[in-house]
Amino acid sequence: MKVHCKVVYRVFKKEEFEEFENKEFFSGNTLDKESGFIHLSTKKQIFGTITKYYLEEKDLKVVKFNTSDLKPKLKWEKSRDEDFFPHFYGILLFDWITEIL
């Protein structure tokens, strides 16, 4: 399945983001490692992702990546509500962040 999005997003807990910033790479949190990929979202999916996984968190960071930087390890796969989500099979580099929200 090919989805045409130029950007994707990752939601981070404060501690995860700080570790990402310090190490300059992110290999995933516990859920990502159990899944075998890093969970990402489109702009339309961010609210649902935050509601499902981060509702109790007080300090979140949402970062934006260009999909062109993530290819060919970015795959679009059916997930929640039969929607296709971006899944990254690799290690994210801090330099790839285009915006921190």
PDB file of N, CA and C in Angstrom:
ATOM      1  N   MET A   1       0.855  -1.192   0.000  1.00  0.00           N
ATOM      2  CA  MET A   1       0.000   0.000   0.000  1.00  0.00           C
ATOM      3  C   MET A   1       0.884   1.232   0.000  1.00  0.00           C
ATOM      4  N   LYS A   2       0.655   2.108  -0.943  1.00  0.00           N
ATOM      5  CA  LYS A   2       1.377   3.379  -0.981  1.00  0.00           C
ATOM      6  C   LYS A   2       0.439   4.481  -0.519  1.00  0.00           C
ATOM      7  N   VAL A   3       0.901   5.232   0.440  1.00  0.00           N
ATOM      8  CA  VAL A   3       0.144   6.383   0.930  1.00  0.00           C
ATOM      9  C   VAL A   3       0.985   7.604   0.607  1.00  0.00           C
ATOM     10  N   HIS A   4       0.360   8.620   0.109  1.00  0.00           N
ATOM     11  CA  HIS A   4       1.108   9.807  -0.302  1.00  0.00           C
ATOM     12  C   HIS A   4       1.023  10.891   0.773  1.00  0.00           C
ATOM     13  N   CYS A   5       1.928  10.824   1.715  1.00  0.00           N
ATOM     14  CA  CYS A   5       2.076  11.847   2.737  1.00  0.00           C
ATOM     15  C   CYS A   5       3.516  12.317   2.685  1.00  0.00           C
ATOM     16  N   LYS A   6       3.707  13.606   2.718  1.00  0.00           N
ATOM     17  CA  LYS A   6       5.066  14.140   2.697  1.00  0.00           C
ATOM     18  C   LYS A   6       5.698  14.186   4.075  1.00  0.00           C
ATOM     19  N   VAL A   7       4.854  14.166   5.114  1.00  0.00           N
ATOM     20  CA  VAL A   7       5.363  14.211   6.487  1.00  0.00           C
ATOM     21  C   VAL A   7       4.617  13.203   7.361  1.00  0.00           C
ATOM     22  N   VAL A   8       5.310  12.752   8.406  1.00  0.00           N
ATOM     23  CA  VAL A   8       4.716  11.901   9.430  1.00  0.00           C
ATOM     24  C   VAL A   8       5.161  12.441  10.788  1.00  0.00           C
ATOM     25  N   TYR A   9       4.504  11.982  11.833  1.00  0.00           N
ATOM     26  CA  TYR A   9       4.728  12.521  13.169  1.00  0.00           C
ATOM     27  C   TYR A   9       4.988  11.407  14.170  1.00  0.00           C
ATOM     28  N   ARG A  10       5.738  11.774  15.201  1.00  0.00           N
ATOM     29  CA  ARG A  10       5.979  10.856  16.320  1.00  0.00           C
ATOM     30  C   ARG A  10       5.654  11.610  17.608  1.00  0.00           C
ATOM     31  N   VAL A  11       4.895  10.966  18.483  1.00  0.00           N
ATOM     32  CA  VAL A  11       4.579  11.513  19.797  1.00  0.00           C
ATOM     33  C   VAL A  11       5.581  10.927  20.793  1.00  0.00           C
ATOM     34  N   PHE A  12       6.189  11.798  21.580  1.00  0.00           N
ATOM     35  CA  PHE A  12       7.164  11.385  22.581  1.00  0.00           C
ATOM     36  C   PHE A  12       6.728  11.840  23.968  1.00  0.00           C
ATOM     37  N   LYS A  13       6.943  10.984  24.953  1.00  0.00           N
ATOM     38  CA  LYS A  13       6.892  11.430  26.338  1.00  0.00           C
ATOM     39  C   LYS A  13       8.123  12.310  26.546  1.00  0.00           C
ATOM     40  N   LYS A  14       8.061  13.187  27.534  1.00  0.00           N
ATOM     41  CA  LYS A  14       9.160  14.125  27.790  1.00  0.00           C
ATOM     42  C   LYS A  14      10.504  13.404  27.927  1.00  0.00           C
ATOM     43  N   GLU A  15      10.529  12.337  28.714  1.00  0.00           N
ATOM     44  CA  GLU A  15      11.774  11.607  28.957  1.00  0.00           C
ATOM     45  C   GLU A  15      12.301  10.956  27.678  1.00  0.00           C
ATOM     46  N   GLU A  16      11.391  10.419  26.867  1.00  0.00           N
ATOM     47  CA  GLU A  16      11.804   9.799  25.599  1.00  0.00           C
ATOM     48  C   GLU A  16      12.435  10.835  24.676  1.00  0.00           C
ATOM     49  N   PHE A  17      11.800  12.005  24.609  1.00  0.00           N
ATOM     50  CA  PHE A  17      12.321  13.051  23.734  1.00  0.00           C
ATOM     51  C   PHE A  17      13.692  13.522  24.209  1.00  0.00           C
ATOM     52  N   GLU A  18      13.843  13.716  25.518  1.00  0.00           N
ATOM     53  CA  GLU A  18      15.132  14.164  26.052  1.00  0.00           C
ATOM     54  C   GLU A  18      16.235  13.147  25.764  1.00  0.00           C
ATOM     55  N   GLU A  19      15.915  11.859  25.860  1.00  0.00           N
ATOM     56  CA  GLU A  19      16.895  10.819  25.546  1.00  0.00           C
ATOM     57  C   GLU A  19      17.224  10.838  24.047  1.00  0.00           C
ATOM     58  N   PHE A  20      16.215  11.013  23.220  1.00  0.00           N
ATOM     59  CA  PHE A  20      16.405  11.123  21.774  1.00  0.00           C
ATOM     60  C   PHE A  20      17.334  12.296  21.448  1.00  0.00           C
ATOM     61  N   GLU A  21      17.076  13.417  22.071  1.00  0.00           N
ATOM     62  CA  GLU A  21      17.884  14.618  21.838  1.00  0.00           C
ATOM     63  C   GLU A  21      19.338  14.404  22.288  1.00  0.00           C
ATOM     64  N   ASN A  22      19.532  13.779  23.443  1.00  0.00           N
ATOM     65  CA  ASN A  22      20.879  13.557  23.972  1.00  0.00           C
ATOM     66  C   ASN A  22      21.665  12.530  23.162  1.00  0.00           C
ATOM     67  N   LYS A  23      21.011  11.436  22.788  1.00  0.00           N
ATOM     68  CA  LYS A  23      21.687  10.365  22.042  1.00  0.00           C
ATOM     69  C   LYS A  23      21.761  10.654  20.544  1.00  0.00           C
ATOM     70  N   GLU A  24      20.850  11.513  20.069  1.00  0.00           N
ATOM     71  CA  GLU A  24      20.725  11.884  18.663  1.00  0.00           C
ATOM     72  C   GLU A  24      20.181  10.754  17.795  1.00  0.00           C
ATOM     73  N   PHE A  25      19.640   9.719  18.424  1.00  0.00           N
ATOM     74  CA  PHE A  25      18.937   8.664  17.703  1.00  0.00           C
ATOM     75  C   PHE A  25      17.875   8.076  18.627  1.00  0.00           C
ATOM     76  N   PHE A  26      16.878   7.432  18.016  1.00  0.00           N
ATOM     77  CA  PHE A  26      15.795   6.810  18.772  1.00  0.00           C
ATOM     78  C   PHE A  26      15.510   5.448  18.156  1.00  0.00           C
ATOM     79  N   SER A  27      15.692   4.411  18.962  1.00  0.00           N
ATOM     80  CA  SER A  27      15.455   3.055  18.460  1.00  0.00           C
ATOM     81  C   SER A  27      14.118   2.495  18.938  1.00  0.00           C
ATOM     82  N   GLY A  28      13.318   3.329  19.589  1.00  0.00           N
ATOM     83  CA  GLY A  28      11.976   2.928  19.988  1.00  0.00           C
ATOM     84  C   GLY A  28      11.816   2.776  21.486  1.00  0.00           C
ATOM     85  N   ASN A  29      10.556   2.876  21.929  1.00  0.00           N
ATOM     86  CA  ASN A  29      10.227   2.626  23.327  1.00  0.00           C
ATOM     87  C   ASN A  29       9.818   1.155  23.456  1.00  0.00           C
ATOM     88  N   THR A  30       9.304   0.781  24.602  1.00  0.00           N
ATOM     89  CA  THR A  30       8.947  -0.629  24.836  1.00  0.00           C
ATOM     90  C   THR A  30       7.918  -1.128  23.824  1.00  0.00           C
ATOM     91  N   LEU A  31       6.865  -0.352  23.561  1.00  0.00           N
ATOM     92  CA  LEU A  31       5.837  -0.764  22.600  1.00  0.00           C
ATOM     93  C   LEU A  31       6.436  -0.935  21.209  1.00  0.00           C
ATOM     94  N   ASP A  32       7.291   0.006  20.798  1.00  0.00           N
ATOM     95  CA  ASP A  32       7.925  -0.097  19.488  1.00  0.00           C
ATOM     96  C   ASP A  32       8.753  -1.373  19.381  1.00  0.00           C
ATOM     97  N   LYS A  33       9.554  -1.627  20.395  1.00  0.00           N
ATOM     98  CA  LYS A  33      10.434  -2.805  20.368  1.00  0.00           C
ATOM     99  C   LYS A  33       9.623  -4.098  20.352  1.00  0.00           C
ATOM    100  N   GLU A  34       8.520  -4.139  21.101  1.00  0.00           N
ATOM    101  CA  GLU A  34       7.644  -5.318  21.083  1.00  0.00           C
ATOM    102  C   GLU A  34       6.984  -5.493  19.717  1.00  0.00           C
ATOM    103  N   SER A  35       6.678  -4.380  19.048  1.00  0.00           N
ATOM    104  CA  SER A  35       6.017  -4.416  17.741  1.00  0.00           C
ATOM    105  C   SER A  35       6.991  -4.701  16.607  1.00  0.00           C
ATOM    106  N   GLY A  36       8.261  -4.373  16.808  1.00  0.00           N
ATOM    107  CA  GLY A  36       9.261  -4.576  15.761  1.00  0.00           C
ATOM    108  C   GLY A  36       9.444  -3.388  14.842  1.00  0.00           C
ATOM    109  N   PHE A  37       8.815  -2.264  15.183  1.00  0.00           N
ATOM    110  CA  PHE A  37       8.925  -1.039  14.391  1.00  0.00           C
ATOM    111  C   PHE A  37       8.588   0.160  15.263  1.00  0.00           C
ATOM    112  N   ILE A  38       8.960   1.343  14.784  1.00  0.00           N
ATOM    113  CA  ILE A  38       8.635   2.582  15.496  1.00  0.00           C
ATOM    114  C   ILE A  38       7.298   3.099  14.979  1.00  0.00           C
ATOM    115  N   HIS A  39       6.383   3.316  15.889  1.00  0.00           N
ATOM    116  CA  HIS A  39       5.037   3.785  15.554  1.00  0.00           C
ATOM    117  C   HIS A  39       5.074   5.276  15.211  1.00  0.00           C
ATOM    118  N   LEU A  40       4.523   5.615  14.066  1.00  0.00           N
ATOM    119  CA  LEU A  40       4.386   7.000  13.631  1.00  0.00           C
ATOM    120  C   LEU A  40       2.924   7.246  13.295  1.00  0.00           C
ATOM    121  N   SER A  41       2.580   8.493  13.031  1.00  0.00           N
ATOM    122  CA  SER A  41       1.205   8.861  12.695  1.00  0.00           C
ATOM    123  C   SER A  41       1.199   9.914  11.609  1.00  0.00           C
ATOM    124  N   THR A  42       0.078   9.991  10.902  1.00  0.00           N
ATOM    125  CA  THR A  42      -0.150  11.112  10.000  1.00  0.00           C
ATOM    126  C   THR A  42      -0.753  12.240  10.834  1.00  0.00           C
ATOM    127  N   LYS A  43      -0.889  13.398  10.237  1.00  0.00           N
ATOM    128  CA  LYS A  43      -1.483  14.533  10.958  1.00  0.00           C
ATOM    129  C   LYS A  43      -2.899  14.193  11.449  1.00  0.00           C
ATOM    130  N   LYS A  44      -3.663  13.495  10.626  1.00  0.00           N
ATOM    131  CA  LYS A  44      -5.039  13.130  10.988  1.00  0.00           C
ATOM    132  C   LYS A  44      -5.092  12.104  12.117  1.00  0.00           C
ATOM    133  N   GLN A  45      -4.026  11.337  12.289  1.00  0.00           N
ATOM    134  CA  GLN A  45      -4.020  10.252  13.268  1.00  0.00           C
ATOM    135  C   GLN A  45      -3.470  10.654  14.637  1.00  0.00           C
ATOM    136  N   ILE A  46      -2.833  11.813  14.741  1.00  0.00           N
ATOM    137  CA  ILE A  46      -2.161  12.203  15.984  1.00  0.00           C
ATOM    138  C   ILE A  46      -3.131  12.247  17.167  1.00  0.00           C
ATOM    139  N   PHE A  47      -4.290  12.857  17.004  1.00  0.00           N
ATOM    140  CA  PHE A  47      -5.237  12.974  18.111  1.00  0.00           C
ATOM    141  C   PHE A  47      -5.623  11.597  18.649  1.00  0.00           C
ATOM    142  N   GLY A  48      -5.928  10.664  17.756  1.00  0.00           N
ATOM    143  CA  GLY A  48      -6.286   9.311  18.178  1.00  0.00           C
ATOM    144  C   GLY A  48      -5.143   8.606  18.880  1.00  0.00           C
ATOM    145  N   THR A  49      -3.924   8.821  18.396  1.00  0.00           N
ATOM    146  CA  THR A  49      -2.749   8.219  19.020  1.00  0.00           C
ATOM    147  C   THR A  49      -2.557   8.765  20.435  1.00  0.00           C
ATOM    148  N   ILE A  50      -2.669  10.070  20.585  1.00  0.00           N
ATOM    149  CA  ILE A  50      -2.511  10.677  21.912  1.00  0.00           C
ATOM    150  C   ILE A  50      -3.623  10.186  22.844  1.00  0.00           C
ATOM    151  N   THR A  51      -4.839  10.132  22.359  1.00  0.00           N
ATOM    152  CA  THR A  51      -5.973   9.676  23.169  1.00  0.00           C
ATOM    153  C   THR A  51      -5.787   8.235  23.622  1.00  0.00           C
ATOM    154  N   LYS A  52      -5.300   7.378  22.738  1.00  0.00           N
ATOM    155  CA  LYS A  52      -5.164   5.962  23.062  1.00  0.00           C
ATOM    156  C   LYS A  52      -3.955   5.660  23.953  1.00  0.00           C
ATOM    157  N   TYR A  53      -2.828   6.312  23.700  1.00  0.00           N
ATOM    158  CA  TYR A  53      -1.580   5.921  24.363  1.00  0.00           C
ATOM    159  C   TYR A  53      -1.019   6.939  25.362  1.00  0.00           C
ATOM    160  N   TYR A  54      -1.417   8.199  25.247  1.00  0.00           N
ATOM    161  CA  TYR A  54      -0.734   9.236  26.036  1.00  0.00           C
ATOM    162  C   TYR A  54      -1.671  10.137  26.820  1.00  0.00           C
ATOM    163  N   LEU A  55      -2.896   9.733  27.024  1.00  0.00           N
ATOM    164  CA  LEU A  55      -3.897  10.591  27.645  1.00  0.00           C
ATOM    165  C   LEU A  55      -3.498  11.053  29.044  1.00  0.00           C
ATOM    166  N   GLU A  56      -2.796  10.236  29.789  1.00  0.00           N
ATOM    167  CA  GLU A  56      -2.409  10.575  31.156  1.00  0.00           C
ATOM    168  C   GLU A  56      -1.113  11.385  31.221  1.00  0.00           C
ATOM    169  N   GLU A  57      -0.426  11.539  30.112  1.00  0.00           N
ATOM    170  CA  GLU A  57       0.858  12.248  30.101  1.00  0.00           C
ATOM    171  C   GLU A  57       0.641  13.757  30.109  1.00  0.00           C
ATOM    172  N   LYS A  58       1.471  14.455  30.858  1.00  0.00           N
ATOM    173  CA  LYS A  58       1.334  15.903  30.996  1.00  0.00           C
ATOM    174  C   LYS A  58       2.189  16.684  29.997  1.00  0.00           C
ATOM    175  N   ASP A  59       3.347  16.151  29.651  1.00  0.00           N
ATOM    176  CA  ASP A  59       4.304  16.903  28.839  1.00  0.00           C
ATOM    177  C   ASP A  59       4.730  16.061  27.638  1.00  0.00           C
ATOM    178  N   LEU A  60       4.076  16.282  26.510  1.00  0.00           N
ATOM    179  CA  LEU A  60       4.373  15.533  25.289  1.00  0.00           C
ATOM    180  C   LEU A  60       5.081  16.421  24.280  1.00  0.00           C
ATOM    181  N   LYS A  61       5.884  15.793  23.467  1.00  0.00           N
ATOM    182  CA  LYS A  61       6.497  16.458  22.321  1.00  0.00           C
ATOM    183  C   LYS A  61       6.043  15.703  21.084  1.00  0.00           C
ATOM    184  N   VAL A  62       5.622  16.437  20.086  1.00  0.00           N
ATOM    185  CA  VAL A  62       5.278  15.845  18.803  1.00  0.00           C
ATOM    186  C   VAL A  62       6.290  16.380  17.804  1.00  0.00           C
ATOM    187  N   VAL A  63       6.926  15.464  17.084  1.00  0.00           N
ATOM    188  CA  VAL A  63       7.930  15.891  16.107  1.00  0.00           C
ATOM    189  C   VAL A  63       7.499  15.462  14.711  1.00  0.00           C
ATOM    190  N   LYS A  64       7.950  16.241  13.757  1.00  0.00           N
ATOM    191  CA  LYS A  64       7.590  16.011  12.362  1.00  0.00           C
ATOM    192  C   LYS A  64       8.822  15.557  11.593  1.00  0.00           C
ATOM    193  N   PHE A  65       8.621  14.570  10.721  1.00  0.00           N
ATOM    194  CA  PHE A  65       9.667  14.051   9.838  1.00  0.00           C
ATOM    195  C   PHE A  65       9.172  14.082   8.402  1.00  0.00           C
ATOM    196  N   ASN A  66      10.067  14.365   7.470  1.00  0.00           N
ATOM    197  CA  ASN A  66       9.755  14.211   6.051  1.00  0.00           C
ATOM    198  C   ASN A  66       9.827  12.734   5.707  1.00  0.00           C
ATOM    199  N   THR A  67       8.828  12.236   5.002  1.00  0.00           N
ATOM    200  CA  THR A  67       8.835  10.820   4.642  1.00  0.00           C
ATOM    201  C   THR A  67      10.014  10.496   3.720  1.00  0.00           C
ATOM    202  N   SER A  68      10.482  11.466   2.964  1.00  0.00           N
ATOM    203  CA  SER A  68      11.616  11.218   2.062  1.00  0.00           C
ATOM    204  C   SER A  68      12.878  10.836   2.827  1.00  0.00           C
ATOM    205  N   ASP A  69      13.011  11.296   4.079  1.00  0.00           N
ATOM    206  CA  ASP A  69      14.171  10.944   4.904  1.00  0.00           C
ATOM    207  C   ASP A  69      14.063   9.537   5.485  1.00  0.00           C
ATOM    208  N   LEU A  70      12.865   8.987   5.517  1.00  0.00           N
ATOM    209  CA  LEU A  70      12.635   7.699   6.164  1.00  0.00           C
ATOM    210  C   LEU A  70      12.592   6.519   5.201  1.00  0.00           C
ATOM    211  N   LYS A  71      12.508   6.793   3.916  1.00  0.00           N
ATOM    212  CA  LYS A  71      12.456   5.709   2.931  1.00  0.00           C
ATOM    213  C   LYS A  71      13.820   5.058   2.840  1.00  0.00           C
ATOM    214  N   PRO A  72      13.950   3.801   2.577  1.00  0.00           N
ATOM    215  CA  PRO A  72      12.905   2.813   2.261  1.00  0.00           C
ATOM    216  C   PRO A  72      12.401   2.042   3.479  1.00  0.00           C
ATOM    217  N   LYS A  73      12.756   2.476   4.683  1.00  0.00           N
ATOM    218  CA  LYS A  73      12.379   1.734   5.890  1.00  0.00           C
ATOM    219  C   LYS A  73      11.010   2.128   6.433  1.00  0.00           C
ATOM    220  N   LEU A  74      10.310   3.006   5.729  1.00  0.00           N
ATOM    221  CA  LEU A  74       8.964   3.427   6.120  1.00  0.00           C
ATOM    222  C   LEU A  74       7.953   2.576   5.363  1.00  0.00           C
ATOM    223  N   LYS A  75       7.077   1.931   6.121  1.00  0.00           N
ATOM    224  CA  LYS A  75       6.050   1.078   5.524  1.00  0.00           C
ATOM    225  C   LYS A  75       4.682   1.524   6.026  1.00  0.00           C
ATOM    226  N   TRP A  76       3.708   1.453   5.141  1.00  0.00           N
ATOM    227  CA  TRP A  76       2.330   1.803   5.502  1.00  0.00           C
ATOM    228  C   TRP A  76       1.570   0.506   5.709  1.00  0.00           C
ATOM    229  N   GLU A  77       1.103   0.301   6.953  1.00  0.00           N
ATOM    230  CA  GLU A  77       0.465  -0.959   7.291  1.00  0.00           C
ATOM    231  C   GLU A  77      -0.849  -0.721   8.025  1.00  0.00           C
ATOM    232  N   LYS A  78      -1.785  -1.635   7.780  1.00  0.00           N
ATOM    233  CA  LYS A  78      -3.101  -1.538   8.405  1.00  0.00           C
ATOM    234  C   LYS A  78      -2.966  -1.740   9.903  1.00  0.00           C
ATOM    235  N   SER A  79      -3.613  -0.867  10.661  1.00  0.00           N
ATOM    236  CA  SER A  79      -3.516  -0.929  12.113  1.00  0.00           C
ATOM    237  C   SER A  79      -4.872  -0.584  12.712  1.00  0.00           C
ATOM    238  N   ARG A  80      -4.867   0.337  13.656  1.00  0.00           N
ATOM    239  CA  ARG A  80      -6.081   0.713  14.390  1.00  0.00           C
ATOM    240  C   ARG A  80      -7.196   1.142  13.437  1.00  0.00           C
ATOM    241  N   ASP A  81      -8.384   0.629  13.670  1.00  0.00           N
ATOM    242  CA  ASP A  81      -9.584   0.975  12.905  1.00  0.00           C
ATOM    243  C   ASP A  81      -9.410   0.733  11.402  1.00  0.00           C
ATOM    244  N   GLU A  82      -8.576  -0.273  11.064  1.00  0.00           N
ATOM    245  CA  GLU A  82      -8.339  -0.634   9.661  1.00  0.00           C
ATOM    246  C   GLU A  82      -7.692   0.495   8.849  1.00  0.00           C
ATOM    247  N   ASP A  83      -7.158   1.489   9.535  1.00  0.00           N
ATOM    248  CA  ASP A  83      -6.479   2.612   8.897  1.00  0.00           C
ATOM    249  C   ASP A  83      -5.018   2.242   8.666  1.00  0.00           C
ATOM    250  N   PHE A  84      -4.415   2.797   7.625  1.00  0.00           N
ATOM    251  CA  PHE A  84      -3.010   2.562   7.351  1.00  0.00           C
ATOM    252  C   PHE A  84      -2.158   3.575   8.110  1.00  0.00           C
ATOM    253  N   PHE A  85      -1.212   3.056   8.886  1.00  0.00           N
ATOM    254  CA  PHE A  85      -0.318   3.882   9.690  1.00  0.00           C
ATOM    255  C   PHE A  85       1.104   3.745   9.177  1.00  0.00           C
ATOM    256  N   PRO A  86       1.905   4.815   9.334  1.00  0.00           N
ATOM    257  CA  PRO A  86       3.316   4.719   8.984  1.00  0.00           C
ATOM    258  C   PRO A  86       4.099   4.015  10.092  1.00  0.00           C
ATOM    259  N   HIS A  87       4.820   2.974   9.712  1.00  0.00           N
ATOM    260  CA  HIS A  87       5.664   2.220  10.637  1.00  0.00           C
ATOM    261  C   HIS A  87       7.086   2.295  10.116  1.00  0.00           C
ATOM    262  N   PHE A  88       8.022   2.639  10.997  1.00  0.00           N
ATOM    263  CA  PHE A  88       9.416   2.796  10.595  1.00  0.00           C
ATOM    264  C   PHE A  88      10.242   1.635  11.128  1.00  0.00           C
ATOM    265  N   TYR A  89      10.856   0.905  10.212  1.00  0.00           N
ATOM    266  CA  TYR A  89      11.683  -0.258  10.546  1.00  0.00           C
ATOM    267  C   TYR A  89      13.154   0.145  10.534  1.00  0.00           C
ATOM    268  N   GLY A  90      13.555   0.875  11.551  1.00  0.00           N
ATOM    269  CA  GLY A  90      14.930   1.338  11.640  1.00  0.00           C
ATOM    270  C   GLY A  90      15.113   2.202  12.872  1.00  0.00           C
ATOM    271  N   ILE A  91      16.149   3.009  12.836  1.00  0.00           N
ATOM    272  CA  ILE A  91      16.474   3.922  13.933  1.00  0.00           C
ATOM    273  C   ILE A  91      16.283   5.344  13.434  1.00  0.00           C
ATOM    274  N   LEU A  92      15.491   6.133  14.160  1.00  0.00           N
ATOM    275  CA  LEU A  92      15.274   7.535  13.790  1.00  0.00           C
ATOM    276  C   LEU A  92      16.471   8.379  14.228  1.00  0.00           C
ATOM    277  N   LEU A  93      16.893   9.266  13.365  1.00  0.00           N
ATOM    278  CA  LEU A  93      17.973  10.194  13.688  1.00  0.00           C
ATOM    279  C   LEU A  93      17.393  11.550  14.063  1.00  0.00           C
ATOM    280  N   PHE A  94      17.968  12.170  15.084  1.00  0.00           N
ATOM    281  CA  PHE A  94      17.480  13.462  15.550  1.00  0.00           C
ATOM    282  C   PHE A  94      17.570  14.511  14.440  1.00  0.00           C
ATOM    283  N   ASP A  95      18.585  14.415  13.605  1.00  0.00           N
ATOM    284  CA  ASP A  95      18.773  15.377  12.498  1.00  0.00           C
ATOM    285  C   ASP A  95      17.628  15.348  11.494  1.00  0.00           C
ATOM    286  N   TRP A  96      16.846  14.277  11.471  1.00  0.00           N
ATOM    287  CA  TRP A  96      15.741  14.172  10.526  1.00  0.00           C
ATOM    288  C   TRP A  96      14.522  14.990  10.959  1.00  0.00           C
ATOM    289  N   ILE A  97      14.481  15.439  12.189  1.00  0.00           N
ATOM    290  CA  ILE A  97      13.331  16.217  12.668  1.00  0.00           C
ATOM    291  C   ILE A  97      13.260  17.531  11.890  1.00  0.00           C
ATOM    292  N   THR A  98      12.080  17.818  11.356  1.00  0.00           N
ATOM    293  CA  THR A  98      11.899  19.084  10.631  1.00  0.00           C
ATOM    294  C   THR A  98      11.172  20.125  11.479  1.00  0.00           C
ATOM    295  N   GLU A  99      10.463  19.651  12.519  1.00  0.00           N
ATOM    296  CA  GLU A  99       9.749  20.575  13.392  1.00  0.00           C
ATOM    297  C   GLU A  99       9.405  19.879  14.694  1.00  0.00           C
ATOM    298  N   ILE A 100       9.469  20.624  15.783  1.00  0.00           N
ATOM    299  CA  ILE A 100       9.052  20.125  17.101  1.00  0.00           C
ATOM    300  C   ILE A 100       7.844  20.930  17.517  1.00  0.00           C
ATOM    301  N   LEU A 101       6.746  20.245  17.767  1.00  0.00           N
ATOM    302  CA  LEU A 101       5.483  20.904  18.096  1.00  0.00           C
ATOM    303  C   LEU A 101       5.201  20.831  19.590  1.00  0.00           C
TER     304      LEU A 101
END
